[in-house]
Amino acid sequence: MRRSRATAAAAMVAWLAVAARAQALAPQQLSGTMTHDGVAMPIKGVVAVLNEKAPSIKFYLLPFVPTPAETALIQKNDTMWMLSRAPVDAKKWAVNPQGSITLDWGFDKAAVGSLEKAWANVYVFGIGKPNSNLNFSLTGGEVKGTFTGAVKAGATVTLVTKGGGSMDAGKVTWDLNLTTKVLPALAR
């Protein structure tokens, strides 16, 4: 079934309106860095996306402020577009780096919202070395700091944490103070 250009245009306008609304709902106060092997990425933008099934919140940590359309892509767990986006610092990175911290209460759903009970997944791409990937998990109690706010779409949450970890692929540290709205995940 073919859609007319008018229908396709209307769908695109509706999608952009949802993305713009999501961005408008996500005022941010943030500071911090994510560092891989001594190379620091200042955090300029964060998108917090709720996974209701886990339950978990994934904090996408970015060296730029995403547009509403980019935010909507992130809500769909689509970050591949970042590889073709002009780098924020071409002298430092050939492509935009990124990081994320996911707080997951799937192992203890009764403790949702407790940082002490949350498992965490930490991910970095391209910060310390071009096209490098480093991903590691922290069990409950290993993430130090504070988490406040409700674990639900539309809630304002604050994550303040400082820590690090290392593997054969390198050492990662973070120092974050993030306040943002939690956005719902969108279907791909």
Protein backbone atom coordinates (compact mmCIF):
# COMPACT_ATOMS: atom_id res chain seq x y z
CA MET A 1 0.00 0.00 0.00
CA ARG A 2 1.49 3.32 -1.07
CA ARG A 3 1.09 6.44 0.94
CA SER A 4 0.60 9.73 -0.76
CA ARG A 5 3.18 12.48 -0.30
CA ALA A 6 0.64 14.43 1.73
CA THR A 7 0.12 11.47 4.07
CA ALA A 8 3.86 10.95 4.40
CA ALA A 9 4.38 14.65 5.07
CA ALA A 10 1.60 14.65 7.69
CA ALA A 11 3.19 11.64 9.39
CA MET A 12 6.57 13.38 9.44
CA VAL A 13 5.06 16.56 10.90
CA ALA A 14 3.30 14.51 13.60
CA TRP A 15 6.55 12.66 14.40
CA LEU A 16 8.47 15.95 14.67
CA ALA A 17 5.74 17.38 16.91
CA VAL A 18 6.12 14.40 19.28
CA ALA A 19 9.90 14.88 19.24
CA ALA A 20 9.59 18.62 19.90
CA ARG A 21 7.17 17.97 22.77
CA ALA A 22 9.58 15.42 24.25
CA GLN A 23 12.43 17.94 24.05
CA ALA A 24 10.25 20.65 25.61
CA LEU A 25 9.40 18.29 28.47
CA ALA A 26 13.05 17.61 29.14
CA PRO A 27 14.59 20.70 30.75
CA GLN A 28 18.07 19.86 31.92
CA GLN A 29 20.56 20.85 34.53
CA LEU A 30 23.74 18.94 34.05
CA SER A 31 27.42 18.93 34.55
CA GLY A 32 30.06 16.32 34.36
CA THR A 33 32.44 14.26 32.33
CA MET A 34 32.95 10.72 31.19
CA THR A 35 36.59 9.77 30.70
CA HIS A 36 38.13 6.82 28.84
CA ASP A 37 41.88 6.24 29.14
CA GLY A 38 42.50 9.83 30.21
CA VAL A 39 40.44 11.47 27.43
CA ALA A 40 37.50 13.41 28.90
CA MET A 41 34.16 13.96 27.18
CA PRO A 42 32.28 16.89 28.72
CA ILE A 43 28.58 16.12 29.03
CA LYS A 44 26.54 18.75 27.17
CA GLY A 45 23.33 16.77 26.69
CA VAL A 46 21.55 13.91 28.38
CA VAL A 47 18.49 11.92 27.35
CA ALA A 48 16.93 9.67 30.00
CA VAL A 49 14.75 6.91 28.54
CA LEU A 50 12.49 4.63 30.55
CA ASN A 51 12.22 0.90 29.94
CA GLU A 52 9.05 0.04 31.85
CA LYS A 53 9.50 -3.72 31.49
CA ALA A 54 12.90 -3.93 33.22
CA PRO A 55 12.28 -1.40 34.95
CA SER A 56 15.30 0.74 34.08
CA ILE A 57 16.37 4.22 33.01
CA LYS A 58 19.11 4.65 30.44
CA PHE A 59 20.95 7.97 30.62
CA TYR A 60 22.45 8.71 27.19
CA LEU A 61 25.44 10.99 27.80
CA LEU A 62 26.35 13.23 24.86
CA PRO A 63 28.97 15.87 24.02
CA PHE A 64 26.26 17.99 22.36
CA VAL A 65 22.65 19.02 22.98
CA PRO A 66 20.45 16.81 20.79
CA THR A 67 17.74 18.31 18.60
CA PRO A 68 14.12 17.21 19.11
CA ALA A 69 14.42 14.86 16.12
CA GLU A 70 17.66 13.39 17.50
CA THR A 71 16.01 12.96 20.91
CA ALA A 72 13.19 10.99 19.28
CA LEU A 73 15.74 8.72 17.59
CA ILE A 74 17.46 8.15 20.93
CA GLN A 75 14.07 7.26 22.44
CA LYS A 76 13.95 4.53 19.79
CA ASN A 77 17.39 3.32 20.95
CA ASP A 78 18.83 4.47 17.60
CA THR A 79 22.26 6.05 17.96
CA MET A 80 23.86 5.06 14.64
CA TRP A 81 23.06 8.50 13.18
CA MET A 82 25.68 9.97 15.53
CA LEU A 83 28.40 8.44 13.34
CA SER A 84 27.41 10.73 10.47
CA ARG A 85 26.67 13.85 12.55
CA ALA A 86 29.43 16.47 12.35
CA PRO A 87 31.76 15.92 15.32
CA VAL A 88 31.59 18.48 18.10
CA ASP A 89 35.39 18.61 18.27
CA ALA A 90 36.92 17.37 15.01
CA LYS A 91 40.47 17.81 16.36
CA LYS A 92 39.70 15.46 19.24
CA TRP A 93 37.23 13.02 17.64
CA ALA A 94 36.61 11.97 14.02
CA VAL A 95 33.06 10.97 15.00
CA ASN A 96 30.97 11.95 18.00
CA PRO A 97 31.67 9.88 21.07
CA GLN A 98 28.93 8.89 23.46
CA GLY A 99 28.37 7.19 26.76
CA SER A 100 25.53 5.84 28.79
CA ILE A 101 24.69 4.61 32.24
CA THR A 102 21.65 2.39 32.67
CA LEU A 103 20.18 1.95 36.13
CA ASP A 104 18.28 -1.34 36.23
CA TRP A 105 16.03 -2.68 38.98
CA GLY A 106 15.05 -5.89 37.17
CA PHE A 107 16.65 -8.03 39.88
CA ASP A 108 14.80 -6.26 42.69
CA LYS A 109 11.60 -4.63 41.45
CA ALA A 110 10.54 -3.82 45.01
CA ALA A 111 13.56 -1.48 45.24
CA VAL A 112 12.81 0.61 42.13
CA GLY A 113 14.37 4.05 42.57
CA SER A 114 17.01 2.94 45.09
CA LEU A 115 20.50 3.60 43.72
CA GLU A 116 21.92 1.21 46.31
CA LYS A 117 19.86 -1.65 44.81
CA ALA A 118 20.27 -0.72 41.15
CA TRP A 119 22.47 -2.71 38.83
CA ALA A 120 24.19 -0.52 36.29
CA ASN A 121 25.49 -0.94 32.78
CA VAL A 122 28.18 1.56 31.77
CA TYR A 123 29.00 2.04 28.09
CA VAL A 124 31.42 4.29 26.22
CA PHE A 125 32.00 4.64 22.50
CA GLY A 126 34.88 6.50 20.90
CA ILE A 127 35.89 8.67 23.84
CA GLY A 128 39.45 7.46 24.43
CA LYS A 129 40.18 5.92 21.04
CA PRO A 130 38.43 6.08 17.66
CA ASN A 131 35.65 3.48 17.35
CA SER A 132 36.46 1.99 20.75
CA ASN A 133 33.70 0.29 22.72
CA LEU A 134 33.79 -0.49 26.41
CA ASN A 135 30.86 -1.95 28.27
CA PHE A 136 30.76 -3.25 31.83
CA SER A 137 28.23 -3.96 34.56
CA LEU A 138 28.08 -2.99 38.20
CA THR A 139 26.01 -4.94 40.70
CA GLY A 140 23.70 -3.49 43.32
CA GLY A 141 25.54 -1.19 45.69
CA GLU A 142 28.52 -0.60 43.38
CA VAL A 143 27.14 2.64 41.92
CA LYS A 144 27.93 5.39 44.42
CA GLY A 145 25.99 8.62 44.68
CA THR A 146 22.33 9.64 44.83
CA PHE A 147 19.28 9.11 42.66
CA THR A 148 16.07 11.05 43.28
CA GLY A 149 12.77 11.15 41.45
CA ALA A 150 10.16 8.67 40.29
CA VAL A 151 11.03 5.95 37.81
CA LYS A 152 8.28 6.84 35.35
CA ALA A 153 7.88 8.75 32.11
CA GLY A 154 7.47 12.49 32.66
CA ALA A 155 9.14 12.49 36.08
CA THR A 156 12.13 14.69 36.80
CA VAL A 157 15.08 12.69 38.10
CA THR A 158 18.50 13.60 39.41
CA LEU A 159 21.51 11.32 39.26
CA VAL A 160 24.68 12.40 41.05
CA THR A 161 27.44 9.81 40.81
CA LYS A 162 31.19 9.53 40.63
CA GLY A 163 32.99 6.30 39.94
CA GLY A 164 34.92 4.18 37.54
CA GLY A 165 35.84 0.78 36.29
CA SER A 166 38.41 -0.89 34.13
CA MET A 167 38.81 -3.83 31.79
CA ASP A 168 41.40 -4.90 29.25
CA ALA A 169 39.92 -2.31 26.86
CA GLY A 170 40.78 0.52 29.23
CA LYS A 171 39.72 2.55 32.22
CA VAL A 172 36.50 4.57 32.40
CA THR A 173 35.62 7.16 35.02
CA TRP A 174 32.62 9.43 35.39
CA ASP A 175 31.67 12.41 37.46
CA LEU A 176 28.03 13.32 36.80
CA ASN A 177 25.38 15.66 38.17
CA LEU A 178 22.32 15.21 35.94
CA THR A 179 18.78 16.50 36.32
CA THR A 180 16.37 15.77 33.49
CA LYS A 181 12.90 14.49 32.63
CA VAL A 182 12.45 10.79 31.96
CA LEU A 183 11.13 10.17 28.47
CA PRO A 184 9.21 7.12 27.32
CA ALA A 185 10.85 4.66 24.95
CA LEU A 186 9.43 4.86 21.43
CA ALA A 187 8.88 1.94 19.08
CA ARG A 188 11.31 1.68 16.19
